């Protein structure tokens, strides 16, 4: 089958919501506690997910497109039956499967790839535990904590900890599943995992957050080791929280210098450029893609950035360094629009607001050169952007947002967050020929430098900042080359990223005897 035919089939299949691959092999999942049966459904309003379209039906069906091309795709029906309360996880699995259709059709290896994919959809282990903590008034609260140890074929489980009220095991499975392939793309020996809690740090005092982190790590520490599982930060977990948790680990184990957490302070084993790595890496990837695919320079391009946390801040900083115009930053309450481009002074004010004052962007609207619009995001205001860099959260760009972006002439979407573009929006971008690079490739710089932090901890050394920055640039260039090489076999950069990550993990699992 020619590459052109493969592309047409893959494109036609993207509209499907019911897929499956008949598989007869798997590995058992070990749960530290029961976590699959009593979880509440994820909030569709928060995640912008249509539950019906994501989950499909409860009966096995074969679509018209399946029949037309003679494809046997029926494995996701069983997955939906098992996890109907986890639509975000199912979305991530479906989108990955769609980009691997050509592999599943391979006459020699197709059945192996199908078996491998099914095994990868089940975590090796899910740890669930309670997290009791005391507020400043002496009242006891109970939150839930999890660690999803998804896949260790390439190395120890690696992935962040998220503290947010929407967190449950379904959200963490989605994040952990994406993390497997993101980590594979870095070229480092890292497996995939994710963890966190439904604790909401907003409005909490430093003392309350410290007590929560200490309680959380009191339970989690027994499962961590540099060769087993190494968490990092994510939404709601920054340097402050990592410090509190590492201090608790040190106190409980009487061990210092072990790389059991990354994102640490430089004072006790952190790496230069770790806070900046995800945002900087995103822009390094953006620069490569713009120059290669659009034959343009980043200088002067109008870039929309969503979010105002760590990733958004440092992506904005690097965009300014490369001469781009940053038109927006946002938080959950509204968006700041800078029609003539955000200035370095504006960025300093935003970073002080978020990192020191821990305030809302609305509190600085009179201090910056932009215009604040309450209740909006960069994706639902009628503003022209050349590039969109979503850096906030999953499913923030829906179909309406994608249509508005295309109408206003967007040239590319490069993800700084995990799965920030929902399935319908992705399909629209592909149909319109918009350059799209998924987060598992474009935001891999953060976990990549986390891996470098682990290496420095093992050596009991701290590398020079310029050395780490160069390694980050090289890493993003290598990831882009992997995507481009796979793209050359038929497909898009997005498909190239997914195939490259999947093939590496599948081969490792085969050599370990986990699949055959």
Protein backbone atom coordinates (compact mmCIF):
# COMPACT_ATOMS: atom_id res chain seq x y z
CA UNK A 1 0.00 0.00 0.00
CA UNK A 2 1.44 3.37 -0.97
CA UNK A 3 2.01 6.14 1.52
CA UNK A 4 -0.67 8.20 -0.25
CA UNK A 5 -3.27 5.48 0.28
CA UNK A 6 -2.24 5.14 3.91
CA UNK A 7 -2.67 8.84 4.50
CA UNK A 8 -6.15 8.78 3.01
CA UNK A 9 -7.24 5.87 5.19
CA UNK A 10 -5.77 7.43 8.30
CA UNK A 11 -7.48 10.72 7.54
CA UNK A 12 -10.82 9.05 6.87
CA UNK A 13 -10.65 7.15 10.13
CA UNK A 14 -10.10 10.26 12.22
CA UNK A 15 -13.80 10.98 12.26
CA UNK A 16 -14.60 7.69 13.97
CA UNK A 17 -15.60 7.49 17.59
CA UNK A 18 -15.92 3.70 17.72
CA UNK A 19 -12.73 1.80 17.18
CA UNK A 20 -11.42 -1.52 18.23
CA UNK A 21 -8.71 -4.04 17.78
CA UNK A 22 -9.40 -7.63 18.77
CA UNK A 23 -6.67 -8.58 21.19
CA UNK A 24 -6.19 -11.75 23.15
CA UNK A 25 -3.21 -10.93 25.29
CA UNK A 26 -2.53 -8.60 28.21
CA UNK A 27 -0.75 -8.33 31.54
CA UNK A 28 -2.45 -8.14 34.92
CA UNK A 29 -2.80 -4.80 36.66
CA UNK A 30 -1.91 -4.68 40.36
CA UNK A 31 -3.79 -2.16 42.48
CA UNK A 32 -2.59 -1.12 45.89
CA UNK A 33 -6.24 -0.36 46.69
CA UNK A 34 -9.43 -0.66 44.67
CA UNK A 35 -9.60 2.38 42.40
CA UNK A 36 -11.65 1.44 39.35
CA UNK A 37 -15.25 1.10 40.45
CA UNK A 38 -16.45 4.02 42.53
CA UNK A 39 -14.89 7.06 40.88
CA UNK A 40 -17.15 9.96 39.92
CA UNK A 41 -17.31 10.88 36.26
CA UNK A 42 -14.96 13.62 35.19
CA UNK A 43 -16.54 17.04 34.92
CA UNK A 44 -17.60 17.54 31.32
CA UNK A 45 -18.07 21.28 31.80
CA UNK A 46 -14.48 21.66 32.98
CA UNK A 47 -12.99 19.39 30.37
CA UNK A 48 -15.18 20.36 27.38
CA UNK A 49 -15.75 16.71 26.53
CA UNK A 50 -18.88 15.31 24.95
CA UNK A 51 -19.32 12.12 26.92
CA UNK A 52 -21.42 10.40 24.27
CA UNK A 53 -19.10 11.13 21.39
CA UNK A 54 -16.03 10.17 23.42
CA UNK A 55 -17.41 6.93 24.80
CA UNK A 56 -19.34 5.69 21.79
CA UNK A 57 -22.03 3.07 22.36
CA UNK A 58 -22.09 0.12 24.71
CA UNK A 59 -22.39 -2.44 21.93
CA UNK A 60 -19.79 -3.63 19.48
CA UNK A 61 -20.30 -2.03 16.08
CA UNK A 62 -18.36 -1.67 12.86
CA UNK A 63 -18.49 1.69 11.10
CA UNK A 64 -19.06 2.27 7.40
CA UNK A 65 -15.45 3.35 6.98
CA UNK A 66 -14.26 0.18 8.73
CA UNK A 67 -16.28 -1.96 6.31
CA UNK A 68 -15.13 0.02 3.29
CA UNK A 69 -11.46 -0.56 4.03
CA UNK A 70 -11.81 -4.03 5.51
CA UNK A 71 -10.27 -3.03 8.84
CA UNK A 72 -10.68 -4.96 12.08
CA UNK A 73 -10.81 -2.28 14.77
CA UNK A 74 -12.86 -3.32 17.78
CA UNK A 75 -10.70 -3.22 20.90
CA UNK A 76 -11.77 0.14 22.31
CA UNK A 77 -15.33 -1.05 22.93
CA UNK A 78 -14.06 -3.29 25.73
CA UNK A 79 -12.04 -0.39 27.15
CA UNK A 80 -15.14 1.83 27.16
CA UNK A 81 -17.10 -0.86 28.98
CA UNK A 82 -14.42 -0.96 31.69
CA UNK A 83 -13.89 2.79 32.11
CA UNK A 84 -17.09 4.69 31.17
CA UNK A 85 -16.35 7.17 33.98
CA UNK A 86 -12.97 8.17 32.47
CA UNK A 87 -13.74 10.03 29.20
CA UNK A 88 -10.50 12.03 29.17
CA UNK A 89 -8.46 8.83 29.37
CA UNK A 90 -10.55 7.26 26.60
CA UNK A 91 -10.05 10.38 24.48
CA UNK A 92 -6.27 10.13 24.82
CA UNK A 93 -6.32 6.42 23.90
CA UNK A 94 -8.56 6.98 20.87
CA UNK A 95 -6.46 9.82 19.52
CA UNK A 96 -3.28 7.77 19.88
CA UNK A 97 -4.91 4.78 18.15
CA UNK A 98 -6.06 6.90 15.22
CA UNK A 99 -2.50 7.99 14.48
CA UNK A 100 -1.28 4.37 14.53
CA UNK A 101 -3.78 2.94 12.02
CA UNK A 102 -1.07 2.43 9.40
CA UNK A 103 0.93 0.30 11.85
CA UNK A 104 -2.13 -1.75 12.79
CA UNK A 105 -2.63 -2.53 9.07
CA UNK A 106 0.94 -3.71 8.53
CA UNK A 107 0.72 -7.22 6.98
CA UNK A 108 3.64 -8.59 9.00
CA UNK A 109 3.66 -6.69 12.31
CA UNK A 110 0.10 -5.40 12.53
CA UNK A 111 -1.16 -7.98 15.01
CA UNK A 112 1.86 -7.43 17.25
CA UNK A 113 1.28 -3.67 17.27
CA UNK A 114 -2.35 -4.23 18.20
CA UNK A 115 -1.39 -6.45 21.12
CA UNK A 116 1.26 -3.98 22.24
CA UNK A 117 -1.17 -1.07 22.17
CA UNK A 118 -3.75 -2.87 24.29
CA UNK A 119 -1.17 -3.76 26.93
CA UNK A 120 -0.03 -0.13 27.03
CA UNK A 121 -3.55 1.08 27.85
CA UNK A 122 -3.50 -0.62 31.26
CA UNK A 123 -1.31 0.84 34.03
CA UNK A 124 1.11 -1.54 35.67
CA UNK A 125 -0.05 -0.27 39.05
CA UNK A 126 -2.34 2.33 40.62
CA UNK A 127 -1.67 3.42 44.20
CA UNK A 128 -4.52 5.15 46.04
CA UNK A 129 -4.40 6.59 49.54
CA UNK A 130 -6.02 9.09 51.89
CA UNK A 131 -4.33 12.38 52.77
CA UNK A 132 -5.45 13.85 56.11
CA UNK A 133 -4.36 17.39 56.95
CA UNK A 134 -5.25 20.17 59.38
CA UNK A 135 -6.21 23.72 58.41
CA UNK A 136 -5.23 26.86 60.30
CA UNK A 137 -8.38 26.63 62.41
CA UNK A 138 -7.49 23.13 63.59
CA UNK A 139 -10.12 21.37 61.45
CA UNK A 140 -9.18 18.02 59.92
CA UNK A 141 -9.71 17.51 56.17
CA UNK A 142 -9.36 14.36 54.09
CA UNK A 143 -8.28 14.36 50.45
CA UNK A 144 -7.48 11.53 48.10
CA UNK A 145 -4.03 10.89 46.66
CA UNK A 146 -2.93 8.71 43.75
CA UNK A 147 0.14 7.57 41.89
CA UNK A 148 -0.46 5.89 38.52
CA UNK A 149 2.66 3.87 37.69
CA UNK A 150 1.79 3.32 34.05
CA UNK A 151 4.72 1.84 32.15
CA UNK A 152 8.32 1.12 33.16
CA UNK A 153 9.59 -0.55 29.98
CA UNK A 154 12.14 2.18 29.26
CA UNK A 155 13.03 3.19 32.81
CA UNK A 156 11.62 4.24 36.20
CA UNK A 157 8.16 5.79 36.23
CA UNK A 158 8.50 9.52 35.57
CA UNK A 159 5.80 12.16 35.61
CA UNK A 160 4.43 15.02 37.65
CA UNK A 161 2.15 15.43 40.64
CA UNK A 162 -0.99 17.54 40.13
CA UNK A 163 -2.92 19.16 42.98
CA UNK A 164 -6.31 20.28 41.67
CA UNK A 165 -9.95 19.60 42.66
CA UNK A 166 -10.68 17.95 39.28
CA UNK A 167 -8.01 15.26 39.79
CA UNK A 168 -9.11 11.64 39.99
CA UNK A 169 -7.69 8.37 38.73
CA UNK A 170 -9.19 8.91 35.26
CA UNK A 171 -7.48 12.26 34.77
CA UNK A 172 -4.21 10.81 36.03
CA UNK A 173 -4.51 7.81 33.72
CA UNK A 174 -4.92 10.18 30.77
CA UNK A 175 -1.85 12.15 31.85
CA UNK A 176 0.18 9.01 32.59
CA UNK A 177 -0.71 7.44 29.23
CA UNK A 178 0.48 10.54 27.38
CA UNK A 179 3.60 10.61 29.57
CA UNK A 180 4.73 7.17 28.35
CA UNK A 181 5.23 8.38 24.80
CA UNK A 182 6.45 11.85 25.71
CA UNK A 183 9.23 10.35 27.82
CA UNK A 184 10.11 7.90 25.07
CA UNK A 185 10.66 10.80 22.67
CA UNK A 186 13.26 12.43 24.93
CA UNK A 187 15.76 9.63 24.31
CA UNK A 188 16.28 9.23 28.06
CA UNK A 189 15.65 5.97 29.99
CA UNK A 190 12.34 7.06 31.51
CA UNK A 191 9.05 5.24 31.95
CA UNK A 192 5.68 6.95 32.29
CA UNK A 193 3.62 7.78 35.36
CA UNK A 194 1.51 10.51 36.94
CA UNK A 195 0.13 11.31 40.37
CA UNK A 196 -1.57 13.90 42.50
CA UNK A 197 -4.53 14.75 44.66
CA UNK A 198 -7.94 16.42 44.52
CA UNK A 199 -6.60 18.98 47.03
CA UNK A 200 -7.17 22.59 45.94
CA UNK A 201 -4.21 24.83 46.88
CA UNK A 202 -6.05 28.03 45.92
CA UNK A 203 -6.89 30.14 48.93
CA UNK A 204 -4.76 28.04 51.28
CA UNK A 205 -2.08 29.53 53.50
CA UNK A 206 1.56 28.51 53.21
CA UNK A 207 1.21 26.61 56.47
CA UNK A 208 -1.81 24.67 55.20
CA UNK A 209 -0.06 23.78 51.96
CA UNK A 210 3.02 22.67 53.89
CA UNK A 211 0.96 20.41 56.17
CA UNK A 212 -0.84 18.91 53.19
CA UNK A 213 2.42 18.23 51.31
CA UNK A 214 3.95 16.63 54.39
CA UNK A 215 0.94 14.35 54.81
CA UNK A 216 0.90 13.47 51.10
CA UNK A 217 4.58 12.53 51.07
CA UNK A 218 4.29 10.58 54.33
CA UNK A 219 2.24 8.04 52.38
CA UNK A 220 3.82 8.34 48.93
CA UNK A 221 7.47 8.14 49.98
CA UNK A 222 7.40 4.37 50.48
CA UNK A 223 6.81 3.85 46.75
CA UNK A 224 9.61 6.13 45.50
CA UNK A 225 13.19 5.33 44.53
CA UNK A 226 15.55 6.72 41.87
CA UNK A 227 15.30 3.39 40.05
CA UNK A 228 11.56 2.91 40.59
CA UNK A 229 9.47 6.09 40.52
CA UNK A 230 10.54 9.76 40.40
CA UNK A 231 7.71 12.35 40.50
CA UNK A 232 7.99 16.05 39.65
CA UNK A 233 5.63 19.03 39.65
CA UNK A 234 2.54 19.83 37.59
CA UNK A 235 -0.50 22.08 38.04
CA UNK A 236 -0.67 23.18 41.68
CA UNK A 237 2.78 21.76 42.44
CA UNK A 238 5.74 24.10 42.01
CA UNK A 239 9.07 24.62 43.70
CA UNK A 240 7.49 25.41 47.06
CA UNK A 241 5.48 22.18 47.15
CA UNK A 242 8.39 20.09 45.87
CA UNK A 243 10.54 21.54 48.67
CA UNK A 244 8.01 20.65 51.35
CA UNK A 245 7.67 17.10 50.00
CA UNK A 246 11.41 16.57 49.63
CA UNK A 247 11.96 17.80 53.19
CA UNK A 248 9.43 15.23 54.41
CA UNK A 249 11.09 12.46 52.37
CA UNK A 250 14.49 13.38 53.82
CA UNK A 251 13.13 13.37 57.36
CA UNK A 252 11.38 10.00 56.99
CA UNK A 253 14.21 8.16 55.23
CA UNK A 254 17.30 9.90 56.67
CA UNK A 255 18.59 10.15 53.07
CA UNK A 256 19.73 13.21 51.17
CA UNK A 257 20.83 13.64 47.57
CA UNK A 258 18.64 10.88 46.15
CA UNK A 259 16.87 11.81 42.92
CA UNK A 260 13.40 10.82 44.10
CA UNK A 261 11.85 14.15 43.13
CA UNK A 262 12.79 16.55 40.36
CA UNK A 263 12.13 20.25 40.13
CA UNK A 264 14.01 20.76 43.39
CA UNK A 265 15.74 23.96 44.46
CA UNK A 266 19.36 24.39 43.35
CA UNK A 267 20.18 24.47 47.06
CA UNK A 268 19.46 20.73 47.42
CA UNK A 269 19.98 18.95 44.14
CA UNK A 270 17.94 20.81 41.55
CA UNK A 271 19.05 21.42 37.99
CA UNK A 272 19.66 24.71 36.23
CA UNK A 273 16.89 25.45 33.72
CA UNK A 274 14.43 22.95 35.20
CA UNK A 275 11.78 25.61 35.96
CA UNK A 276 12.24 27.08 32.48
CA UNK A 277 12.54 23.78 30.61
CA UNK A 278 8.96 23.11 29.49
CA UNK A 279 8.34 26.65 28.25
CA UNK A 280 11.77 27.05 26.68
CA UNK A 281 11.56 23.63 25.05
CA UNK A 282 8.14 24.49 23.60
CA UNK A 283 9.58 27.59 21.94
CA UNK A 284 12.68 25.76 20.70
CA UNK A 285 10.32 23.28 19.03
CA UNK A 286 8.16 26.11 17.70
CA UNK A 287 11.19 27.82 16.15
CA UNK A 288 12.27 24.60 14.43
CA UNK A 289 8.79 23.90 13.06
CA UNK A 290 8.19 27.46 11.86
CA UNK A 291 11.51 27.54 10.02
CA UNK A 292 11.08 24.05 8.55
CA UNK A 293 7.39 23.94 7.67
CA UNK A 294 6.40 27.58 7.25
CA UNK A 295 9.77 28.79 5.93
CA UNK A 296 9.54 31.81 8.20
CA UNK A 297 11.25 33.32 11.21
CA UNK A 298 9.59 33.62 14.61
CA UNK A 299 10.54 37.29 14.67
CA UNK A 300 7.44 39.45 14.44
CA UNK A 301 4.96 36.55 14.52
CA UNK A 302 1.85 37.12 16.62
CA UNK A 303 1.73 34.35 19.26
CA UNK A 304 -1.19 33.60 21.57
CA UNK A 305 -0.19 32.01 24.88
CA UNK A 306 -2.81 30.70 27.30
CA UNK A 307 -2.19 30.30 31.00
CA UNK A 308 0.10 32.35 33.20
CA UNK A 309 1.85 29.66 35.21
CA UNK A 310 5.31 28.22 34.86
CA UNK A 311 5.03 26.98 31.25
CA UNK A 312 3.29 30.10 29.95
CA UNK A 313 5.71 32.45 31.72
CA UNK A 314 8.88 30.91 30.35
CA UNK A 315 7.42 30.29 26.89
CA UNK A 316 6.57 33.98 26.80
CA UNK A 317 10.05 34.90 27.97
CA UNK A 318 11.71 32.86 25.22
CA UNK A 319 9.30 34.11 22.54
CA UNK A 320 10.25 37.68 23.43
CA UNK A 321 13.92 36.73 23.21
CA UNK A 322 13.35 35.44 19.66
CA UNK A 323 11.54 38.63 18.65
CA UNK A 324 7.99 37.25 18.54
CA UNK A 325 4.98 39.28 19.65
CA UNK A 326 3.09 37.69 22.56
CA UNK A 327 -0.53 38.79 22.27
CA UNK A 328 -2.10 37.08 25.29
CA UNK A 329 -1.74 35.48 28.70
CA UNK A 330 -4.65 34.21 30.76
CA UNK A 331 -5.90 32.49 33.90
CA UNK A 332 -9.17 30.78 34.78
CA UNK A 333 -10.86 34.14 35.40
CA UNK A 334 -10.01 35.96 32.16
CA UNK A 335 -7.44 36.98 29.56
CA UNK A 336 -5.06 39.88 29.03
CA UNK A 337 -4.80 40.94 25.36
CA UNK A 338 -1.75 42.89 24.23
CA UNK A 339 -2.61 44.04 20.71
CA UNK A 340 0.86 45.46 20.12
CA UNK A 341 2.65 42.69 21.98
CA UNK A 342 3.46 42.09 25.63
CA UNK A 343 6.61 43.85 26.87
CA UNK A 344 9.33 42.56 29.18
CA UNK A 345 8.03 44.92 31.86
CA UNK A 346 4.53 43.44 31.41
CA UNK A 347 5.96 39.95 31.85
CA UNK A 348 7.74 40.94 35.07
CA UNK A 349 4.43 42.22 36.47
CA UNK A 350 2.62 39.00 35.44
CA UNK A 351 5.32 36.83 37.02
CA UNK A 352 5.24 38.82 40.26
CA UNK A 353 1.45 38.54 40.35
CA UNK A 354 1.48 34.77 39.91
CA UNK A 355 4.70 33.73 41.67
CA UNK A 356 4.84 36.14 44.61
CA UNK A 357 1.40 37.65 45.15
CA UNK A 358 -0.38 34.49 43.95
CA UNK A 359 -3.12 36.73 42.59
CA UNK A 360 -5.42 36.90 39.58
CA UNK A 361 -4.58 38.71 36.36
CA UNK A 362 -7.54 41.01 36.99
CA UNK A 363 -5.56 42.53 39.86
CA UNK A 364 -2.90 43.91 37.49
CA UNK A 365 -5.04 45.18 34.60
CA UNK A 366 -4.14 48.79 35.41
CA UNK A 367 -0.43 48.00 35.71
CA UNK A 368 0.18 46.44 32.29
CA UNK A 369 -0.19 47.64 28.71
CA UNK A 370 -2.80 45.05 27.81
CA UNK A 371 -6.60 44.95 28.08
CA UNK A 372 -8.22 42.54 30.52
CA UNK A 373 -11.35 40.66 29.41
CA UNK A 374 -13.12 38.80 32.22
CA UNK A 375 -14.52 35.33 31.61
CA UNK A 376 -12.66 34.86 28.32
CA UNK A 377 -9.65 32.90 27.08
CA UNK A 378 -7.32 33.60 24.14
CA UNK A 379 -9.38 31.11 22.14
CA UNK A 380 -12.79 32.78 22.29
CA UNK A 381 -11.84 36.41 21.62
CA UNK A 382 -11.84 37.63 18.02
CA UNK A 383 -8.13 38.43 17.69
CA UNK A 384 -5.69 37.50 14.92
CA UNK A 385 -2.82 35.15 15.84
CA UNK A 386 -0.15 33.55 13.67
CA UNK A 387 0.61 30.83 16.22
CA UNK A 388 -1.36 29.39 19.13
CA UNK A 389 0.53 27.99 22.12
CA UNK A 390 -2.02 26.58 24.60
CA UNK A 391 -0.22 26.25 27.96
CA UNK A 392 -3.09 26.02 30.47
CA UNK A 393 -4.93 22.70 30.72
CA UNK A 394 -6.56 19.84 28.82
CA UNK A 395 -9.29 20.48 26.23
CA UNK A 396 -9.06 24.26 26.42
CA UNK A 397 -9.33 24.55 22.61
CA UNK A 398 -12.66 23.16 21.43
CA UNK A 399 -14.18 23.10 17.93
CA UNK A 400 -15.57 26.63 18.17
CA UNK A 401 -12.15 27.91 19.25
CA UNK A 402 -10.40 26.05 16.44
CA UNK A 403 -12.82 27.46 13.88
CA UNK A 404 -12.20 30.99 15.17
CA UNK A 405 -8.43 30.46 15.04
CA UNK A 406 -8.60 29.24 11.45
CA UNK A 407 -10.93 32.09 10.43
CA UNK A 408 -8.41 34.58 11.78
CA UNK A 409 -5.52 33.01 9.87
CA UNK A 410 -3.65 30.89 12.43
CA UNK A 411 -0.71 29.03 10.89
CA UNK A 412 0.15 26.56 13.65
CA UNK A 413 -0.90 25.15 17.02
CA UNK A 414 1.89 23.89 19.29
CA UNK A 415 0.83 22.49 22.65
CA UNK A 416 2.49 23.51 25.90
CA UNK A 417 -0.14 21.80 28.06
CA UNK A 418 -1.16 18.13 27.97
CA UNK A 419 -3.93 17.47 25.41
CA UNK A 420 -5.18 21.08 25.37
CA UNK A 421 -6.84 20.62 21.96
CA UNK A 422 -9.90 18.38 21.98
CA UNK A 423 -10.64 15.75 19.33
CA UNK A 424 -13.07 17.84 17.28
CA UNK A 425 -10.70 20.81 17.27
CA UNK A 426 -7.79 18.60 16.19
CA UNK A 427 -9.80 17.23 13.31
CA UNK A 428 -10.71 20.73 12.14
CA UNK A 429 -7.08 21.85 12.25
CA UNK A 430 -6.00 18.82 10.20
CA UNK A 431 -8.79 19.35 7.68
CA UNK A 432 -7.71 22.96 7.21
CA UNK A 433 -4.04 22.02 6.84
CA UNK A 434 -2.91 23.84 10.00
CA UNK A 435 0.45 22.76 11.43
CA UNK A 436 -0.28 20.90 14.68
CA UNK A 437 2.30 19.48 17.10
CA UNK A 438 0.97 17.58 20.14
CA UNK A 439 2.14 18.21 23.69
CA UNK A 440 3.84 14.83 24.00
CA UNK A 441 6.46 16.26 21.62
CA UNK A 442 6.37 20.02 22.06
CA UNK A 443 6.27 20.11 25.88
CA UNK A 444 8.71 17.24 26.44
CA UNK A 445 11.47 19.62 27.51
CA UNK A 446 10.29 19.65 31.11
CA UNK A 447 10.53 15.93 31.68
CA UNK A 448 13.71 15.88 29.60
CA UNK A 449 15.50 18.26 31.97
CA UNK A 450 13.99 16.33 34.90
CA UNK A 451 15.86 13.34 33.50
CA UNK A 452 19.01 15.45 33.37
CA UNK A 453 18.41 16.43 37.00
CA UNK A 454 18.30 12.73 37.89
CA UNK A 455 21.64 12.26 36.12
CA UNK A 456 23.18 15.15 38.04
CA UNK A 457 21.87 13.73 41.33
CA UNK A 458 23.40 10.34 40.51
CA UNK A 459 26.75 12.00 39.81
CA UNK A 460 26.51 14.30 42.87
CA UNK A 461 27.20 17.18 40.46
CA UNK A 462 25.46 20.31 39.22
CA UNK A 463 26.05 21.11 35.57
CA UNK A 464 26.55 24.63 34.23
CA UNK A 465 23.36 26.38 33.06
CA UNK A 466 24.61 26.75 29.49
CA UNK A 467 25.36 23.00 29.36
CA UNK A 468 21.81 22.12 30.42
CA UNK A 469 20.31 24.64 27.99
CA UNK A 470 22.31 23.18 25.10
CA UNK A 471 21.21 19.66 26.02
CA UNK A 472 17.60 20.91 26.05
CA UNK A 473 18.01 22.45 22.59
CA UNK A 474 19.56 19.24 21.27
CA UNK A 475 16.78 17.17 22.82
CA UNK A 476 14.02 19.21 21.18
CA UNK A 477 15.87 19.08 17.86
CA UNK A 478 16.14 15.29 18.12
CA UNK A 479 12.42 14.99 18.93
CA UNK A 480 11.59 17.15 15.92
CA UNK A 481 13.80 14.98 13.71
CA UNK A 482 12.05 11.84 14.98
CA UNK A 483 8.71 13.37 14.07
CA UNK A 484 9.89 14.54 10.68
CA UNK A 485 11.44 11.15 9.86
CA UNK A 486 8.21 9.32 10.70
CA UNK A 487 6.21 11.99 8.86
CA UNK A 488 8.26 11.21 5.78
CA UNK A 489 6.81 7.70 5.80
CA UNK A 490 3.35 9.15 5.31
CA UNK A 491 1.28 11.36 7.58
CA UNK A 492 1.72 14.48 9.67
CA UNK A 493 4.13 15.72 12.33
CA UNK A 494 1.56 14.71 14.94
CA UNK A 495 1.39 11.16 13.59
CA UNK A 496 5.17 11.10 13.44
CA UNK A 497 5.43 11.96 17.14
CA UNK A 498 2.92 9.29 18.14
CA UNK A 499 4.47 6.59 15.97
CA UNK A 500 8.03 7.30 17.10
CA UNK A 501 7.09 7.12 20.78
CA UNK A 502 4.90 4.04 20.38
CA UNK A 503 7.45 2.05 18.37
CA UNK A 504 10.18 2.65 20.92
CA UNK A 505 8.05 1.49 23.86
CA UNK A 506 6.65 -1.48 21.95
CA UNK A 507 10.12 -2.73 21.04
CA UNK A 508 11.30 -2.39 24.64
CA UNK A 509 8.29 -4.32 25.94
CA UNK A 510 8.93 -7.05 23.37
CA UNK A 511 12.57 -7.42 24.40
CA UNK A 512 11.52 -7.54 28.07
CA UNK A 513 9.11 -10.38 27.31
CA UNK A 514 6.00 -8.37 28.23
CA UNK A 515 4.43 -8.79 24.77
CA UNK A 516 5.06 -11.09 21.84
